[in-house]
ModelCIF file with pLDDT and N, C-alpha, C, O atoms, coordinates in Angstrom:
data_MODEL
#
_entry.id   MODEL 
#
_entity.id                         1 
_entity.type                       polymer 
_entity.pdbx_number_of_molecules   1 
#
_entity_poly.entity_id                      1 
_entity_poly.type                           'polypeptide(L)' 
_entity_poly.nstd_linkage                   no 
_entity_poly.nstd_monomer                   no 
_entity_poly.pdbx_seq_one_letter_code       VLGQAAVLAFSLTSLAQQVNEMPLALAIAAEVGGLVALLGAG 
_entity_poly.pdbx_seq_one_letter_code_can   VLGQAAVLAFSLTSLAQQVNEMPLALAIAAEVGGLVALLGAG 
_entity_poly.pdbx_strand_id                 A 
#
loop_
_entity_poly_seq.entity_id 
_entity_poly_seq.num 
_entity_poly_seq.mon_id 
_entity_poly_seq.hetero 
1 1  VAL n 
1 2  LEU n 
1 3  GLY n 
1 4  GLN n 
1 5  ALA n 
1 6  ALA n 
1 7  VAL n 
1 8  LEU n 
1 9  ALA n 
1 10 PHE n 
1 11 SER n 
1 12 LEU n 
1 13 THR n 
1 14 SER n 
1 15 LEU n 
1 16 ALA n 
1 17 GLN n 
1 18 GLN n 
1 19 VAL n 
1 20 ASN n 
1 21 GLU n 
1 22 MET n 
1 23 PRO n 
1 24 LEU n 
1 25 ALA n 
1 26 LEU n 
1 27 ALA n 
1 28 ILE n 
1 29 ALA n 
1 30 ALA n 
1 31 GLU n 
1 32 VAL n 
1 33 GLY n 
1 34 GLY n 
1 35 LEU n 
1 36 VAL n 
1 37 ALA n 
1 38 LEU n 
1 39 LEU n 
1 40 GLY n 
1 41 ALA n 
1 42 GLY n 
#
_struct_asym.id          A 
_struct_asym.entity_id   1 
#
loop_
_ma_qa_metric.id 
_ma_qa_metric.mode 
_ma_qa_metric.name 
_ma_qa_metric.software_group_id 
_ma_qa_metric.type 
1 global pLDDT . pLDDT 
2 local  pLDDT . pLDDT 
#
_ma_qa_metric_global.metric_id      1 
_ma_qa_metric_global.metric_value   94.55 
_ma_qa_metric_global.model_id       1 
_ma_qa_metric_global.ordinal_id     1 
#
loop_
_ma_qa_metric_local.label_asym_id 
_ma_qa_metric_local.label_comp_id 
_ma_qa_metric_local.label_seq_id 
_ma_qa_metric_local.metric_id 
_ma_qa_metric_local.metric_value 
_ma_qa_metric_local.model_id 
_ma_qa_metric_local.ordinal_id 
A VAL 1  2 95.00 1 1  
A LEU 2  2 96.00 1 2  
A GLY 3  2 95.00 1 3  
A GLN 4  2 96.00 1 4  
A ALA 5  2 96.00 1 5  
A ALA 6  2 96.00 1 6  
A VAL 7  2 96.00 1 7  
A LEU 8  2 96.00 1 8  
A ALA 9  2 96.00 1 9  
A PHE 10 2 96.00 1 10 
A SER 11 2 96.00 1 11 
A LEU 12 2 95.00 1 12 
A THR 13 2 96.00 1 13 
A SER 14 2 94.00 1 14 
A LEU 15 2 94.00 1 15 
A ALA 16 2 94.00 1 16 
A GLN 17 2 94.00 1 17 
A GLN 18 2 93.00 1 18 
A VAL 19 2 93.00 1 19 
A ASN 20 2 93.00 1 20 
A GLU 21 2 93.00 1 21 
A MET 22 2 93.00 1 22 
A PRO 23 2 94.00 1 23 
A LEU 24 2 94.00 1 24 
A ALA 25 2 95.00 1 25 
A LEU 26 2 95.00 1 26 
A ALA 27 2 95.00 1 27 
A ILE 28 2 95.00 1 28 
A ALA 29 2 96.00 1 29 
A ALA 30 2 95.00 1 30 
A GLU 31 2 95.00 1 31 
A VAL 32 2 96.00 1 32 
A GLY 33 2 95.00 1 33 
A GLY 34 2 94.00 1 34 
A LEU 35 2 95.00 1 35 
A VAL 36 2 95.00 1 36 
A ALA 37 2 94.00 1 37 
A LEU 38 2 93.00 1 38 
A LEU 39 2 94.00 1 39 
A GLY 40 2 93.00 1 40 
A ALA 41 2 92.00 1 41 
A GLY 42 2 90.00 1 42 
#
loop_
_atom_site.group_PDB 
_atom_site.id 
_atom_site.type_symbol 
_atom_site.label_atom_id 
_atom_site.label_alt_id 
_atom_site.label_comp_id 
_atom_site.label_asym_id 
_atom_site.label_entity_id 
_atom_site.label_seq_id 
_atom_site.pdbx_PDB_ins_code 
_atom_site.Cartn_x 
_atom_site.Cartn_y 
_atom_site.Cartn_z 
_atom_site.occupancy 
_atom_site.B_iso_or_equiv 
_atom_site.pdbx_formal_charge 
_atom_site.auth_seq_id 
_atom_site.auth_comp_id 
_atom_site.auth_asym_id 
_atom_site.auth_atom_id 
_atom_site.pdbx_PDB_model_num 
ATOM 1   N N  . VAL A 1 1  ? 13.547 5.012  8.698  1.00 95.00 ? 1  VAL A N  1 
ATOM 2   C CA . VAL A 1 1  ? 12.547 5.987  9.265  1.00 95.00 ? 1  VAL A CA 1 
ATOM 3   C C  . VAL A 1 1  ? 12.384 7.133  8.725  1.00 95.00 ? 1  VAL A C  1 
ATOM 4   O O  . VAL A 1 1  ? 11.270 7.654  8.679  1.00 95.00 ? 1  VAL A O  1 
ATOM 5   N N  . LEU A 1 2  ? 13.525 7.734  8.205  1.00 96.00 ? 2  LEU A N  1 
ATOM 6   C CA . LEU A 1 2  ? 13.487 8.913  7.413  1.00 96.00 ? 2  LEU A CA 1 
ATOM 7   C C  . LEU A 1 2  ? 12.285 8.832  6.353  1.00 96.00 ? 2  LEU A C  1 
ATOM 8   O O  . LEU A 1 2  ? 11.277 9.514  6.166  1.00 96.00 ? 2  LEU A O  1 
ATOM 9   N N  . GLY A 1 3  ? 12.793 7.786  5.790  1.00 95.00 ? 3  GLY A N  1 
ATOM 10  C CA . GLY A 1 3  ? 11.894 7.623  4.343  1.00 95.00 ? 3  GLY A CA 1 
ATOM 11  C C  . GLY A 1 3  ? 10.374 7.450  4.811  1.00 95.00 ? 3  GLY A C  1 
ATOM 12  O O  . GLY A 1 3  ? 9.487  8.105  4.265  1.00 95.00 ? 3  GLY A O  1 
ATOM 13  N N  . GLN A 1 4  ? 10.136 6.650  5.723  1.00 96.00 ? 4  GLN A N  1 
ATOM 14  C CA . GLN A 1 4  ? 8.862  6.243  6.178  1.00 96.00 ? 4  GLN A CA 1 
ATOM 15  C C  . GLN A 1 4  ? 8.275  7.888  6.660  1.00 96.00 ? 4  GLN A C  1 
ATOM 16  O O  . GLN A 1 4  ? 7.112  8.166  6.368  1.00 96.00 ? 4  GLN A O  1 
ATOM 17  N N  . ALA A 1 5  ? 8.862  8.595  7.163  1.00 96.00 ? 5  ALA A N  1 
ATOM 18  C CA . ALA A 1 5  ? 8.381  9.931  7.615  1.00 96.00 ? 5  ALA A CA 1 
ATOM 19  C C  . ALA A 1 5  ? 8.056  10.723 6.391  1.00 96.00 ? 5  ALA A C  1 
ATOM 20  O O  . ALA A 1 5  ? 6.985  11.315 6.263  1.00 96.00 ? 5  ALA A O  1 
ATOM 21  N N  . ALA A 1 6  ? 9.044  10.720 5.459  1.00 96.00 ? 6  ALA A N  1 
ATOM 22  C CA . ALA A 1 6  ? 8.645  11.462 4.312  1.00 96.00 ? 6  ALA A CA 1 
ATOM 23  C C  . ALA A 1 6  ? 7.322  10.851 3.547  1.00 96.00 ? 6  ALA A C  1 
ATOM 24  O O  . ALA A 1 6  ? 6.494  11.647 3.104  1.00 96.00 ? 6  ALA A O  1 
ATOM 25  N N  . VAL A 1 7  ? 7.160  9.681  3.421  1.00 96.00 ? 7  VAL A N  1 
ATOM 26  C CA . VAL A 1 7  ? 5.959  8.974  2.584  1.00 96.00 ? 7  VAL A CA 1 
ATOM 27  C C  . VAL A 1 7  ? 4.981  9.378  3.562  1.00 96.00 ? 7  VAL A C  1 
ATOM 28  O O  . VAL A 1 7  ? 3.953  9.680  2.957  1.00 96.00 ? 7  VAL A O  1 
ATOM 29  N N  . LEU A 1 8  ? 4.870  9.493  4.594  1.00 96.00 ? 8  LEU A N  1 
ATOM 30  C CA . LEU A 1 8  ? 3.733  9.742  5.476  1.00 96.00 ? 8  LEU A CA 1 
ATOM 31  C C  . LEU A 1 8  ? 3.440  11.060 5.450  1.00 96.00 ? 8  LEU A C  1 
ATOM 32  O O  . LEU A 1 8  ? 2.262  11.387 5.589  1.00 96.00 ? 8  LEU A O  1 
ATOM 33  N N  . ALA A 1 9  ? 4.327  11.936 5.292  1.00 96.00 ? 9  ALA A N  1 
ATOM 34  C CA . ALA A 1 9  ? 4.007  13.565 5.064  1.00 96.00 ? 9  ALA A CA 1 
ATOM 35  C C  . ALA A 1 9  ? 3.262  13.608 3.816  1.00 96.00 ? 9  ALA A C  1 
ATOM 36  O O  . ALA A 1 9  ? 2.154  14.136 3.720  1.00 96.00 ? 9  ALA A O  1 
ATOM 37  N N  . PHE A 1 10 ? 3.969  12.971 2.731  1.00 96.00 ? 10 PHE A N  1 
ATOM 38  C CA . PHE A 1 10 ? 3.259  13.154 1.482  1.00 96.00 ? 10 PHE A CA 1 
ATOM 39  C C  . PHE A 1 10 ? 2.061  12.647 1.181  1.00 96.00 ? 10 PHE A C  1 
ATOM 40  O O  . PHE A 1 10 ? 1.294  13.210 0.399  1.00 96.00 ? 10 PHE A O  1 
ATOM 41  N N  . SER A 1 11 ? 1.780  11.465 1.817  1.00 96.00 ? 11 SER A N  1 
ATOM 42  C CA . SER A 1 11 ? 0.357  11.078 2.137  1.00 96.00 ? 11 SER A CA 1 
ATOM 43  C C  . SER A 1 11 ? -0.548 11.784 2.754  1.00 96.00 ? 11 SER A C  1 
ATOM 44  O O  . SER A 1 11 ? -1.708 11.829 2.345  1.00 96.00 ? 11 SER A O  1 
ATOM 45  N N  . LEU A 1 12 ? -0.160 12.382 3.745  1.00 95.00 ? 12 LEU A N  1 
ATOM 46  C CA . LEU A 1 12 ? -1.094 13.287 4.559  1.00 95.00 ? 12 LEU A CA 1 
ATOM 47  C C  . LEU A 1 12 ? -1.509 14.388 3.956  1.00 95.00 ? 12 LEU A C  1 
ATOM 48  O O  . LEU A 1 12 ? -2.660 14.826 3.964  1.00 95.00 ? 12 LEU A O  1 
ATOM 49  N N  . THR A 1 13 ? -0.297 14.977 3.272  1.00 96.00 ? 13 THR A N  1 
ATOM 50  C CA . THR A 1 13 ? -0.618 16.301 2.326  1.00 96.00 ? 13 THR A CA 1 
ATOM 51  C C  . THR A 1 13 ? -1.429 15.892 1.285  1.00 96.00 ? 13 THR A C  1 
ATOM 52  O O  . THR A 1 13 ? -2.316 16.693 0.990  1.00 96.00 ? 13 THR A O  1 
ATOM 53  N N  . SER A 1 14 ? -1.361 14.636 0.501  1.00 94.00 ? 14 SER A N  1 
ATOM 54  C CA . SER A 1 14 ? -2.165 14.343 -0.598 1.00 94.00 ? 14 SER A CA 1 
ATOM 55  C C  . SER A 1 14 ? -3.766 14.103 -0.215 1.00 94.00 ? 14 SER A C  1 
ATOM 56  O O  . SER A 1 14 ? -4.676 14.375 -0.998 1.00 94.00 ? 14 SER A O  1 
ATOM 57  N N  . LEU A 1 15 ? -3.952 13.583 1.035  1.00 94.00 ? 15 LEU A N  1 
ATOM 58  C CA . LEU A 1 15 ? -5.204 13.413 1.766  1.00 94.00 ? 15 LEU A CA 1 
ATOM 59  C C  . LEU A 1 15 ? -5.718 14.871 1.990  1.00 94.00 ? 15 LEU A C  1 
ATOM 60  O O  . LEU A 1 15 ? -6.852 15.092 1.567  1.00 94.00 ? 15 LEU A O  1 
ATOM 61  N N  . ALA A 1 16 ? -5.037 15.919 2.605  1.00 94.00 ? 16 ALA A N  1 
ATOM 62  C CA . ALA A 1 16 ? -5.364 16.848 2.877  1.00 94.00 ? 16 ALA A CA 1 
ATOM 63  C C  . ALA A 1 16 ? -5.955 18.105 1.723  1.00 94.00 ? 16 ALA A C  1 
ATOM 64  O O  . ALA A 1 16 ? -6.787 19.001 1.864  1.00 94.00 ? 16 ALA A O  1 
ATOM 65  N N  . GLN A 1 17 ? -5.118 17.695 0.585  1.00 94.00 ? 17 GLN A N  1 
ATOM 66  C CA . GLN A 1 17 ? -5.271 18.913 -0.659 1.00 94.00 ? 17 GLN A CA 1 
ATOM 67  C C  . GLN A 1 17 ? -6.158 17.816 -1.566 1.00 94.00 ? 17 GLN A C  1 
ATOM 68  O O  . GLN A 1 17 ? -6.765 18.386 -2.473 1.00 94.00 ? 17 GLN A O  1 
ATOM 69  N N  . GLN A 1 18 ? -6.310 16.755 -1.530 1.00 93.00 ? 18 GLN A N  1 
ATOM 70  C CA . GLN A 1 18 ? -6.902 15.923 -2.496 1.00 93.00 ? 18 GLN A CA 1 
ATOM 71  C C  . GLN A 1 18 ? -6.377 16.118 -3.913 1.00 93.00 ? 18 GLN A C  1 
ATOM 72  O O  . GLN A 1 18 ? -7.065 16.349 -4.908 1.00 93.00 ? 18 GLN A O  1 
ATOM 73  N N  . VAL A 1 19 ? -4.992 15.984 -3.850 1.00 93.00 ? 19 VAL A N  1 
ATOM 74  C CA . VAL A 1 19 ? -4.276 15.938 -5.090 1.00 93.00 ? 19 VAL A CA 1 
ATOM 75  C C  . VAL A 1 19 ? -3.013 14.948 -4.576 1.00 93.00 ? 19 VAL A C  1 
ATOM 76  O O  . VAL A 1 19 ? -2.503 14.958 -3.456 1.00 93.00 ? 19 VAL A O  1 
ATOM 77  N N  . ASN A 1 20 ? -2.693 14.182 -5.599 1.00 93.00 ? 20 ASN A N  1 
ATOM 78  C CA . ASN A 1 20 ? -1.470 13.234 -5.513 1.00 93.00 ? 20 ASN A CA 1 
ATOM 79  C C  . ASN A 1 20 ? -0.062 14.031 -5.499 1.00 93.00 ? 20 ASN A C  1 
ATOM 80  O O  . ASN A 1 20 ? 0.580  14.297 -6.515 1.00 93.00 ? 20 ASN A O  1 
ATOM 81  N N  . GLU A 1 21 ? 0.235  14.299 -4.444 1.00 93.00 ? 21 GLU A N  1 
ATOM 82  C CA . GLU A 1 21 ? 1.552  15.046 -3.987 1.00 93.00 ? 21 GLU A CA 1 
ATOM 83  C C  . GLU A 1 21 ? 2.804  14.182 -4.387 1.00 93.00 ? 21 GLU A C  1 
ATOM 84  O O  . GLU A 1 21 ? 3.903  14.730 -4.306 1.00 93.00 ? 21 GLU A O  1 
ATOM 85  N N  . MET A 1 22 ? 2.746  13.161 -4.718 1.00 93.00 ? 22 MET A N  1 
ATOM 86  C CA . MET A 1 22 ? 3.838  12.041 -5.090 1.00 93.00 ? 22 MET A CA 1 
ATOM 87  C C  . MET A 1 22 ? 3.441  11.244 -6.057 1.00 93.00 ? 22 MET A C  1 
ATOM 88  O O  . MET A 1 22 ? 2.221  11.096 -6.131 1.00 93.00 ? 22 MET A O  1 
ATOM 89  N N  . PRO A 1 23 ? 4.170  10.617 -6.914 1.00 94.00 ? 23 PRO A N  1 
ATOM 90  C CA . PRO A 1 23 ? 3.679  9.765  -7.855 1.00 94.00 ? 23 PRO A CA 1 
ATOM 91  C C  . PRO A 1 23 ? 3.504  8.375  -7.026 1.00 94.00 ? 23 PRO A C  1 
ATOM 92  O O  . PRO A 1 23 ? 4.352  7.978  -6.227 1.00 94.00 ? 23 PRO A O  1 
ATOM 93  N N  . LEU A 1 24 ? 2.370  7.732  -7.300 1.00 94.00 ? 24 LEU A N  1 
ATOM 94  C CA . LEU A 1 24 ? 1.759  6.404  -6.915 1.00 94.00 ? 24 LEU A CA 1 
ATOM 95  C C  . LEU A 1 24 ? 2.956  5.292  -6.870 1.00 94.00 ? 24 LEU A C  1 
ATOM 96  O O  . LEU A 1 24 ? 3.265  4.582  -5.913 1.00 94.00 ? 24 LEU A O  1 
ATOM 97  N N  . ALA A 1 25 ? 3.457  5.331  -7.981 1.00 95.00 ? 25 ALA A N  1 
ATOM 98  C CA . ALA A 1 25 ? 4.608  4.193  -8.246 1.00 95.00 ? 25 ALA A CA 1 
ATOM 99  C C  . ALA A 1 25 ? 5.978  4.595  -6.956 1.00 95.00 ? 25 ALA A C  1 
ATOM 100 O O  . ALA A 1 25 ? 6.638  3.692  -6.443 1.00 95.00 ? 25 ALA A O  1 
ATOM 101 N N  . LEU A 1 26 ? 6.136  5.700  -6.702 1.00 95.00 ? 26 LEU A N  1 
ATOM 102 C CA . LEU A 1 26 ? 7.070  6.208  -5.909 1.00 95.00 ? 26 LEU A CA 1 
ATOM 103 C C  . LEU A 1 26 ? 6.814  5.620  -4.482 1.00 95.00 ? 26 LEU A C  1 
ATOM 104 O O  . LEU A 1 26 ? 7.584  4.918  -3.826 1.00 95.00 ? 26 LEU A O  1 
ATOM 105 N N  . ALA A 1 27 ? 5.489  6.089  -4.125 1.00 95.00 ? 27 ALA A N  1 
ATOM 106 C CA . ALA A 1 27 ? 4.991  5.700  -2.774 1.00 95.00 ? 27 ALA A CA 1 
ATOM 107 C C  . ALA A 1 27 ? 4.873  4.145  -2.783 1.00 95.00 ? 27 ALA A C  1 
ATOM 108 O O  . ALA A 1 27 ? 5.063  3.758  -1.629 1.00 95.00 ? 27 ALA A O  1 
ATOM 109 N N  . ILE A 1 28 ? 4.699  3.379  -3.398 1.00 95.00 ? 28 ILE A N  1 
ATOM 110 C CA . ILE A 1 28 ? 4.582  2.131  -3.452 1.00 95.00 ? 28 ILE A CA 1 
ATOM 111 C C  . ILE A 1 28 ? 6.019  1.748  -3.284 1.00 95.00 ? 28 ILE A C  1 
ATOM 112 O O  . ILE A 1 28 ? 6.311  1.222  -2.210 1.00 95.00 ? 28 ILE A O  1 
ATOM 113 N N  . ALA A 1 29 ? 6.995  1.932  -4.199 1.00 96.00 ? 29 ALA A N  1 
ATOM 114 C CA . ALA A 1 29 ? 8.447  1.661  -3.993 1.00 96.00 ? 29 ALA A CA 1 
ATOM 115 C C  . ALA A 1 29 ? 8.974  1.992  -2.622 1.00 96.00 ? 29 ALA A C  1 
ATOM 116 O O  . ALA A 1 29 ? 9.763  1.275  -2.008 1.00 96.00 ? 29 ALA A O  1 
ATOM 117 N N  . ALA A 1 30 ? 8.503  3.080  -2.209 1.00 95.00 ? 30 ALA A N  1 
ATOM 118 C CA . ALA A 1 30 ? 8.822  3.396  -0.744 1.00 95.00 ? 30 ALA A CA 1 
ATOM 119 C C  . ALA A 1 30 ? 8.670  2.537  0.534  1.00 95.00 ? 30 ALA A C  1 
ATOM 120 O O  . ALA A 1 30 ? 9.316  2.238  1.538  1.00 95.00 ? 30 ALA A O  1 
ATOM 121 N N  . GLU A 1 31 ? 7.437  2.293  -0.057 1.00 95.00 ? 31 GLU A N  1 
ATOM 122 C CA . GLU A 1 31 ? 6.853  1.304  1.261  1.00 95.00 ? 31 GLU A CA 1 
ATOM 123 C C  . GLU A 1 31 ? 7.288  -0.284 1.197  1.00 95.00 ? 31 GLU A C  1 
ATOM 124 O O  . GLU A 1 31 ? 7.376  -1.071 2.139  1.00 95.00 ? 31 GLU A O  1 
ATOM 125 N N  . VAL A 1 32 ? 7.525  -0.504 -0.148 1.00 96.00 ? 32 VAL A N  1 
ATOM 126 C CA . VAL A 1 32 ? 8.078  -1.949 -0.428 1.00 96.00 ? 32 VAL A CA 1 
ATOM 127 C C  . VAL A 1 32 ? 9.538  -1.935 0.161  1.00 96.00 ? 32 VAL A C  1 
ATOM 128 O O  . VAL A 1 32 ? 9.945  -2.760 0.979  1.00 96.00 ? 32 VAL A O  1 
ATOM 129 N N  . GLY A 1 33 ? 10.323 -0.824 -0.393 1.00 95.00 ? 33 GLY A N  1 
ATOM 130 C CA . GLY A 1 33 ? 11.757 -0.785 -0.217 1.00 95.00 ? 33 GLY A CA 1 
ATOM 131 C C  . GLY A 1 33 ? 11.937 -0.463 1.461  1.00 95.00 ? 33 GLY A C  1 
ATOM 132 O O  . GLY A 1 33 ? 13.003 -0.750 2.005  1.00 95.00 ? 33 GLY A O  1 
ATOM 133 N N  . GLY A 1 34 ? 10.937 0.087  2.150  1.00 94.00 ? 34 GLY A N  1 
ATOM 134 C CA . GLY A 1 34 ? 11.085 0.162  3.643  1.00 94.00 ? 34 GLY A CA 1 
ATOM 135 C C  . GLY A 1 34 ? 10.913 -1.315 4.339  1.00 94.00 ? 34 GLY A C  1 
ATOM 136 O O  . GLY A 1 34 ? 11.471 -1.465 5.426  1.00 94.00 ? 34 GLY A O  1 
ATOM 137 N N  . LEU A 1 35 ? 10.204 -2.377 3.804  1.00 95.00 ? 35 LEU A N  1 
ATOM 138 C CA . LEU A 1 35 ? 10.223 -3.699 4.217  1.00 95.00 ? 35 LEU A CA 1 
ATOM 139 C C  . LEU A 1 35 ? 11.468 -4.187 3.928  1.00 95.00 ? 35 LEU A C  1 
ATOM 140 O O  . LEU A 1 35 ? 12.133 -4.748 4.799  1.00 95.00 ? 35 LEU A O  1 
ATOM 141 N N  . VAL A 1 36 ? 11.953 -4.010 2.559  1.00 95.00 ? 36 VAL A N  1 
ATOM 142 C CA . VAL A 1 36 ? 13.297 -4.580 2.331  1.00 95.00 ? 36 VAL A CA 1 
ATOM 143 C C  . VAL A 1 36 ? 14.447 -4.301 3.194  1.00 95.00 ? 36 VAL A C  1 
ATOM 144 O O  . VAL A 1 36 ? 15.251 -5.100 3.675  1.00 95.00 ? 36 VAL A O  1 
ATOM 145 N N  . ALA A 1 37 ? 14.382 -2.931 3.315  1.00 94.00 ? 37 ALA A N  1 
ATOM 146 C CA . ALA A 1 37 ? 15.523 -2.214 4.291  1.00 94.00 ? 37 ALA A CA 1 
ATOM 147 C C  . ALA A 1 37 ? 15.339 -2.701 5.735  1.00 94.00 ? 37 ALA A C  1 
ATOM 148 O O  . ALA A 1 37 ? 16.289 -2.756 6.516  1.00 94.00 ? 37 ALA A O  1 
ATOM 149 N N  . LEU A 1 38 ? 14.290 -2.996 6.012  1.00 93.00 ? 38 LEU A N  1 
ATOM 150 C CA . LEU A 1 38 ? 14.232 -3.528 7.492  1.00 93.00 ? 38 LEU A CA 1 
ATOM 151 C C  . LEU A 1 38 ? 14.651 -5.060 7.414  1.00 93.00 ? 38 LEU A C  1 
ATOM 152 O O  . LEU A 1 38 ? 15.102 -5.568 8.441  1.00 93.00 ? 38 LEU A O  1 
ATOM 153 N N  . LEU A 1 39 ? 14.547 -5.738 6.400  1.00 94.00 ? 39 LEU A N  1 
ATOM 154 C CA . LEU A 1 39 ? 15.104 -7.101 6.374  1.00 94.00 ? 39 LEU A CA 1 
ATOM 155 C C  . LEU A 1 39 ? 16.612 -6.955 6.212  1.00 94.00 ? 39 LEU A C  1 
ATOM 156 O O  . LEU A 1 39 ? 17.361 -7.729 6.807  1.00 94.00 ? 39 LEU A O  1 
ATOM 157 N N  . GLY A 1 40 ? 17.061 -6.030 5.460  1.00 93.00 ? 40 GLY A N  1 
ATOM 158 C CA . GLY A 1 40 ? 18.571 -5.788 5.339  1.00 93.00 ? 40 GLY A CA 1 
ATOM 159 C C  . GLY A 1 40 ? 19.093 -5.514 6.556  1.00 93.00 ? 40 GLY A C  1 
ATOM 160 O O  . GLY A 1 40 ? 20.065 -6.166 6.939  1.00 93.00 ? 40 GLY A O  1 
ATOM 161 N N  . ALA A 1 41 ? 18.542 -4.521 7.349  1.00 92.00 ? 41 ALA A N  1 
ATOM 162 C CA . ALA A 1 41 ? 19.230 -4.060 8.461  1.00 92.00 ? 41 ALA A CA 1 
ATOM 163 C C  . ALA A 1 41 ? 19.247 -5.260 9.729  1.00 92.00 ? 41 ALA A C  1 
ATOM 164 O O  . ALA A 1 41 ? 20.026 -5.310 10.681 1.00 92.00 ? 41 ALA A O  1 
ATOM 165 N N  . GLY A 1 42 ? 18.294 -6.048 9.448  1.00 90.00 ? 42 GLY A N  1 
ATOM 166 C CA . GLY A 1 42 ? 18.185 -7.167 10.485 1.00 90.00 ? 42 GLY A CA 1 
ATOM 167 C C  . GLY A 1 42 ? 19.249 -8.187 9.998  1.00 90.00 ? 42 GLY A C  1 
ATOM 168 O O  . GLY A 1 42 ? 19.431 -9.234 10.619 1.00 90.00 ? 42 GLY A O  1 
#
């Protein structure tokens, strides 16, 4: 949940400022990692 909140904050900041605030690969890894972590927690 903390990781998804951070990714959401960076993505909204990127949209607001029209600049990539975090590397795209890191954002992809965070989203895919979130799904894997959900599976692991289950």
